[in-house]
N, C-alpha and C. Protein backbone atom coordinates (compact mmCIF):
# COMPACT_ATOMS: atom_id res chain seq x y z
N UNK A 1 0.72 -1.09 -0.13
CA UNK A 1 0.04 0.04 0.09
C UNK A 1 0.72 1.12 -0.09
N UNK A 2 2.19 1.10 0.01
CA UNK A 2 3.33 2.22 0.38
C UNK A 2 4.05 2.42 -0.88
N UNK A 3 4.27 3.54 -1.53
CA UNK A 3 4.77 3.39 -2.74
C UNK A 3 5.76 4.96 -2.76
N UNK A 4 5.13 5.94 -2.62
CA UNK A 4 5.61 7.16 -2.63
C UNK A 4 6.04 7.73 -1.47
N UNK A 5 6.94 8.43 -1.43
CA UNK A 5 7.65 9.24 -0.07
C UNK A 5 7.01 10.27 0.17
N UNK A 6 6.88 10.19 1.68
CA UNK A 6 6.17 11.50 2.08
C UNK A 6 7.05 12.12 3.45
N UNK A 7 7.04 13.36 3.60
CA UNK A 7 7.64 13.95 4.90
C UNK A 7 7.04 13.85 6.18
N UNK A 8 7.54 13.47 7.16
CA UNK A 8 6.72 13.49 8.63
C UNK A 8 8.04 14.41 9.69
N UNK A 9 7.23 15.47 9.76
CA UNK A 9 7.88 16.11 11.11
C UNK A 9 6.89 16.39 12.25
N UNK A 10 7.36 15.37 12.92
CA UNK A 10 6.22 15.16 14.03
C UNK A 10 6.58 14.35 15.04
N UNK A 11 7.05 15.02 16.27
CA UNK A 11 7.17 14.66 17.72
C UNK A 11 7.90 13.19 17.57
N UNK A 12 8.72 12.99 17.00
CA UNK A 12 9.88 11.81 16.88
C UNK A 12 11.09 12.20 17.66
N UNK A 13 11.39 11.13 18.55
CA UNK A 13 12.68 11.42 19.31
C UNK A 13 14.04 10.54 18.38
N UNK A 14 13.28 9.88 17.61
CA UNK A 14 14.42 8.78 17.08
C UNK A 14 14.61 9.65 15.55
N UNK A 15 15.71 8.98 15.01
CA UNK A 15 15.85 9.40 13.41
C UNK A 15 15.14 8.08 12.73
N UNK A 16 14.29 8.66 12.00
CA UNK A 16 13.45 7.94 10.73
C UNK A 16 14.34 7.79 9.68
N UNK A 17 14.13 6.80 8.96
CA UNK A 17 14.74 6.55 7.64
C UNK A 17 13.77 6.85 6.79
N UNK A 18 13.95 6.82 5.09
CA UNK A 18 12.72 7.22 4.38
C UNK A 18 11.87 6.18 3.84
N UNK A 19 12.45 5.03 4.74
CA UNK A 19 11.41 3.66 4.53
C UNK A 19 10.20 3.82 5.49
N UNK A 20 10.47 4.45 6.90
CA UNK A 20 9.51 4.65 7.58
C UNK A 20 8.13 5.47 7.01
N UNK A 21 8.15 5.94 6.28
CA UNK A 21 7.42 7.38 5.75
C UNK A 21 7.00 7.10 4.11
N UNK A 22 6.73 5.66 4.01
CA UNK A 22 6.06 5.31 2.39
C UNK A 22 4.93 5.69 2.49
N UNK A 23 4.07 5.88 1.46
CA UNK A 23 2.44 5.93 1.48
C UNK A 23 2.14 5.42 -0.16
N UNK A 24 1.03 5.49 -0.15
CA UNK A 24 -0.05 5.03 -1.35
C UNK A 24 -1.32 5.63 -1.21
N UNK A 25 -1.54 6.57 -2.05
CA UNK A 25 -2.68 7.10 -1.85
C UNK A 25 -4.24 6.48 -1.98
N UNK A 26 -4.80 6.52 -1.32
CA UNK A 26 -5.80 5.39 -1.37
C UNK A 26 -7.02 6.21 -2.16
N UNK A 27 -7.66 5.29 -3.28
CA UNK A 27 -8.80 5.56 -3.87
C UNK A 27 -10.05 6.04 -2.89
N UNK A 28 -11.03 7.07 -3.27
CA UNK A 28 -11.85 7.69 -2.82
C UNK A 28 -12.99 6.51 -2.01
N UNK A 29 -13.23 5.47 -3.12
CA UNK A 29 -14.16 4.55 -2.71
C UNK A 29 -13.69 3.38 -1.64
N UNK A 30 -12.30 3.41 -1.26
CA UNK A 30 -11.43 2.56 -0.53
C UNK A 30 -11.78 2.65 0.99
N UNK A 31 -12.27 1.42 1.34
CA UNK A 31 -12.60 1.66 2.91
C UNK A 31 -11.69 1.02 3.82
N UNK A 32 -11.30 1.80 4.82
CA UNK A 32 -10.00 1.84 5.89
C UNK A 32 -10.32 1.73 7.10
N UNK A 33 -9.49 0.86 7.87
CA UNK A 33 -9.96 0.66 9.59
C UNK A 33 -8.98 1.34 10.24
N UNK A 34 -9.09 1.48 11.08
CA UNK A 34 -8.36 2.19 12.01
C UNK A 34 -8.44 1.31 13.49
N UNK A 35 -7.35 0.75 13.75
CA UNK A 35 -7.03 -0.32 14.86
C UNK A 35 -5.75 0.11 15.58
N UNK A 36 -5.95 0.75 16.80
CA UNK A 36 -5.36 1.25 17.65
C UNK A 36 -5.42 0.62 19.31
N UNK A 37 -4.40 0.80 19.91
CA UNK A 37 -4.27 0.44 21.29
C UNK A 37 -5.39 1.31 21.98
N UNK A 38 -5.50 1.42 23.25
CA UNK A 38 -5.74 1.87 24.39
C UNK A 38 -5.74 3.42 24.05
N UNK A 39 -4.55 3.74 23.72
CA UNK A 39 -4.21 4.95 23.35
C UNK A 39 -2.95 4.90 22.15
N UNK A 40 -3.24 6.24 21.47
CA UNK A 40 -2.18 6.17 20.45
C UNK A 40 -1.59 7.63 20.43
N UNK A 41 -0.15 7.61 20.03
CA UNK A 41 0.43 8.96 19.95
C UNK A 41 0.13 9.79 18.87
N UNK A 42 0.63 11.10 18.53
CA UNK A 42 0.09 11.91 17.62
C UNK A 42 1.16 11.57 16.79
N UNK A 43 2.25 11.15 16.67
CA UNK A 43 3.29 10.49 15.49
C UNK A 43 2.58 9.30 15.38
N UNK A 44 2.00 8.24 15.90
CA UNK A 44 1.66 7.24 15.25
C UNK A 44 0.34 7.61 14.22
N UNK A 45 -0.47 8.24 14.96
CA UNK A 45 -1.57 8.67 14.12
C UNK A 45 -1.30 9.47 13.08
N UNK A 46 -0.25 10.24 12.96
CA UNK A 46 0.04 11.16 11.91
C UNK A 46 0.71 10.27 10.77
N UNK A 47 1.53 9.03 11.01
CA UNK A 47 2.26 7.97 10.51
C UNK A 47 0.86 7.32 9.36
N UNK A 48 -0.04 6.99 10.54
CA UNK A 48 -1.23 6.11 9.80
C UNK A 48 -1.65 7.24 8.58
N UNK A 49 -2.21 8.50 8.78
CA UNK A 49 -2.76 9.42 8.05
C UNK A 49 -2.31 9.48 6.41
N UNK A 50 -0.77 9.63 7.04
CA UNK A 50 0.20 9.96 5.86
C UNK A 50 0.19 8.47 4.82
N UNK A 51 -0.02 7.42 5.56
CA UNK A 51 -0.07 5.97 4.74
C UNK A 51 -0.67 6.21 3.68
N UNK A 52 -1.89 6.74 4.13
CA UNK A 52 -2.99 6.52 2.55
C UNK A 52 -3.43 8.03 1.94
N UNK A 53 -2.80 9.01 2.34
CA UNK A 53 -3.13 10.25 1.98
C UNK A 53 -2.28 11.04 1.16
N UNK A 54 -0.89 10.45 1.66
CA UNK A 54 0.33 11.27 0.93
C UNK A 54 0.56 12.34 1.39
N UNK A 55 -0.10 12.97 2.13
CA UNK A 55 0.35 14.30 2.51
C UNK A 55 1.39 14.38 3.69
N UNK A 56 2.03 15.51 3.65
CA UNK A 56 2.99 15.75 4.63
C UNK A 56 2.62 16.09 5.74
N UNK A 57 3.03 15.84 7.09
CA UNK A 57 2.68 16.15 8.42
C UNK A 57 3.53 16.87 9.14
N UNK A 58 2.97 18.23 9.34
CA UNK A 58 4.22 19.20 9.75
C UNK A 58 3.64 19.51 10.94
N UNK A 59 4.55 19.55 12.51
CA UNK A 59 4.00 19.72 13.60
C UNK A 59 4.78 21.03 14.12
N UNK A 60 4.30 22.42 14.63
CA UNK A 60 4.88 23.41 14.78
C UNK A 60 5.53 22.95 16.21
N UNK A 61 6.80 23.61 16.60
CA UNK A 61 7.61 23.12 17.50
C UNK A 61 6.82 22.98 18.90
N UNK A 62 5.85 24.22 19.21
CA UNK A 62 5.32 24.01 20.76
C UNK A 62 4.48 22.72 20.77
N UNK A 63 4.20 22.23 19.83
CA UNK A 63 3.25 21.06 19.96
C UNK A 63 3.53 19.70 20.86
N UNK A 64 4.72 19.42 20.72
CA UNK A 64 5.19 18.24 21.49
C UNK A 64 4.71 18.63 23.19
N UNK A 65 4.94 19.88 23.87
CA UNK A 65 4.03 20.10 25.04
C UNK A 65 3.29 19.50 25.31
N UNK A 66 2.08 19.65 24.35
CA UNK A 66 0.65 19.66 24.45
C UNK A 66 0.04 18.51 24.10
N UNK A 67 0.59 17.55 23.14
CA UNK A 67 0.05 16.70 22.30
C UNK A 67 0.99 15.04 23.14
N UNK A 68 0.04 14.54 23.82
CA UNK A 68 0.79 13.20 24.58
C UNK A 68 0.01 12.02 24.08
N UNK A 69 -1.13 11.40 24.33
CA UNK A 69 -1.49 10.39 23.77
C UNK A 69 -3.09 10.82 23.51
N UNK A 70 -3.42 10.04 22.49
CA UNK A 70 -5.11 10.09 22.04
C UNK A 70 -5.53 8.88 22.29
N UNK A 71 -7.10 8.90 22.38
CA UNK A 71 -7.81 7.40 22.60
C UNK A 71 -8.95 7.77 21.16
N UNK A 72 -8.59 6.96 20.41
CA UNK A 72 -9.20 6.82 19.27
C UNK A 72 -10.00 5.57 18.80
N UNK A 73 -11.38 5.53 18.97
CA UNK A 73 -12.11 4.22 18.70
C UNK A 73 -12.93 4.54 17.56
N UNK A 74 -12.67 3.45 16.47
CA UNK A 74 -13.41 3.62 15.11
C UNK A 74 -13.74 2.18 14.95
N UNK A 75 -14.87 1.87 15.21
CA UNK A 75 -15.42 0.52 14.75
C UNK A 75 -15.74 0.11 13.49
N UNK A 76 -16.05 1.04 12.73
CA UNK A 76 -16.61 0.84 11.35
C UNK A 76 -15.34 1.31 10.38
N UNK A 77 -15.47 0.14 9.19
CA UNK A 77 -14.56 0.96 7.98
C UNK A 77 -14.98 2.44 7.67
N UNK A 78 -14.28 2.93 6.70
CA UNK A 78 -14.37 4.19 6.87
C UNK A 78 -13.74 4.83 5.19
N UNK A 79 -13.99 5.57 4.41
CA UNK A 79 -13.54 6.31 3.54
C UNK A 79 -12.35 7.00 3.84
N UNK A 80 -11.44 7.46 2.86
CA UNK A 80 -10.17 8.30 2.97
C UNK A 80 -10.43 9.93 3.48
N UNK A 81 -11.57 10.02 3.30
CA UNK A 81 -12.06 11.48 3.50
C UNK A 81 -12.61 11.16 4.54
N UNK A 82 -13.45 10.18 5.26
CA UNK A 82 -13.83 9.96 6.57
C UNK A 82 -12.95 9.71 7.32
N UNK A 83 -11.68 8.98 7.28
CA UNK A 83 -10.60 8.59 7.95
C UNK A 83 -9.61 10.21 8.25
N UNK A 84 -9.94 11.01 6.84
CA UNK A 84 -9.13 12.38 7.61
C UNK A 84 -9.55 12.85 8.50
N UNK A 85 -10.99 13.14 8.42
CA UNK A 85 -11.82 13.95 9.21
C UNK A 85 -11.75 13.47 10.76
N UNK A 86 -11.47 11.84 10.78
CA UNK A 86 -11.32 11.41 12.10
C UNK A 86 -10.06 11.97 12.57
N UNK A 87 -8.94 12.02 11.72
CA UNK A 87 -7.72 12.54 12.20
C UNK A 87 -7.71 13.82 13.00
N UNK A 88 -8.56 14.57 12.24
CA UNK A 88 -8.47 16.34 12.50
C UNK A 88 -9.24 16.41 13.79
N UNK A 89 -10.41 15.40 13.75
CA UNK A 89 -11.00 15.62 14.93
C UNK A 89 -10.60 15.16 15.88
N UNK A 90 -9.91 13.67 16.09
CA UNK A 90 -8.74 13.65 17.25
C UNK A 90 -7.71 14.28 17.50
N UNK A 91 -7.10 15.16 16.84
CA UNK A 91 -6.18 16.23 17.32
C UNK A 91 -6.74 17.43 17.47
N UNK A 92 -7.79 17.96 17.07
CA UNK A 92 -8.30 19.09 17.39
C UNK A 92 -9.06 18.68 19.00
N UNK A 93 -9.45 17.65 19.32
CA UNK A 93 -9.82 17.11 20.56
C UNK A 93 -9.07 17.73 21.72
N UNK A 94 -7.41 17.77 21.17
CA UNK A 94 -6.38 17.68 22.55
C UNK A 94 -6.29 19.35 22.44
N UNK A 95 -6.95 20.22 21.68
CA UNK A 95 -6.77 21.54 22.03
C UNK A 95 -5.97 22.15 20.94
N UNK A 96 -5.42 21.22 20.06
CA UNK A 96 -4.40 21.44 18.93
C UNK A 96 -5.26 21.70 17.53
N UNK A 97 -4.91 22.49 16.34
CA UNK A 97 -5.33 22.77 15.22
C UNK A 97 -4.84 22.31 13.76
N UNK A 98 -5.49 21.71 13.31
CA UNK A 98 -4.90 21.07 11.88
C UNK A 98 -5.52 21.96 10.87
N UNK A 99 -4.37 22.37 10.33
CA UNK A 99 -4.33 23.46 8.77
C UNK A 99 -4.45 22.51 7.87
N UNK A 100 -5.32 22.38 7.19
CA UNK A 100 -5.05 21.63 5.80
C UNK A 100 -4.73 22.52 4.54
N UNK A 101 -3.72 22.21 3.90
CA UNK A 101 -3.22 22.64 2.94
C UNK A 101 -3.23 21.55 1.51
N UNK A 102 -3.19 21.79 0.46
CA UNK A 102 -3.20 20.69 -0.60
C UNK A 102 -2.16 19.80 -0.60
N UNK A 103 -1.14 19.64 0.04
CA UNK A 103 -0.62 18.58 0.15
C UNK A 103 0.17 18.25 1.57
N UNK A 104 -0.30 19.39 2.32
CA UNK A 104 0.60 19.24 3.83
C UNK A 104 -0.86 19.28 4.71
N UNK A 105 -0.48 18.72 5.86
CA UNK A 105 -1.40 18.68 7.20
C UNK A 105 -0.51 19.76 8.08
N UNK A 106 -0.96 20.73 8.66
CA UNK A 106 0.53 21.61 9.76
C UNK A 106 -0.76 21.46 11.25
N UNK A 107 0.05 20.85 12.21
CA UNK A 107 -0.52 20.83 13.13
C UNK A 107 -0.14 21.66 14.32
N UNK A 108 -0.73 22.59 14.85
CA UNK A 108 -0.06 23.52 16.05
C UNK A 108 -1.01 23.92 16.83
N UNK A 109 -0.52 25.06 17.77
CA UNK A 109 -1.36 24.94 18.92
C UNK A 109 -2.59 26.19 18.51
N UNK A 110 -3.81 25.63 19.23
CA UNK A 110 -4.95 26.25 18.75
C UNK A 110 -5.20 27.45 19.69
N UNK A 111 -6.24 28.80 19.17
CA UNK A 111 -6.19 29.62 19.99
C UNK A 111 -6.37 30.05 21.31
N UNK A 112 -6.68 29.01 22.09
CA UNK A 112 -6.81 28.89 23.66
C UNK A 112 -5.15 28.43 24.29
């Protein structure tokens, strides 16, 4: 499912190789599932979203202070559009904001 290279700059304490962030854009009619443990890190959630959107994910430097673990429960298969909205909703539930650009998702502190 992963063939194109994407860039991920988000909360990683270790150096990642290009092979860690490969993607293949999913067709709009594809059904995706989200299976996470009890909690998921913003980094892991970002890797999941880039895997099928091929969008770059960039976190503002101050995001690391506020983004700890998220709980995401998604029992039904969803389209890529629905999965992207799930990502945005999950991130924004932490008080952060996701700015969507054509090829990039920017995660930054919200107004509060």
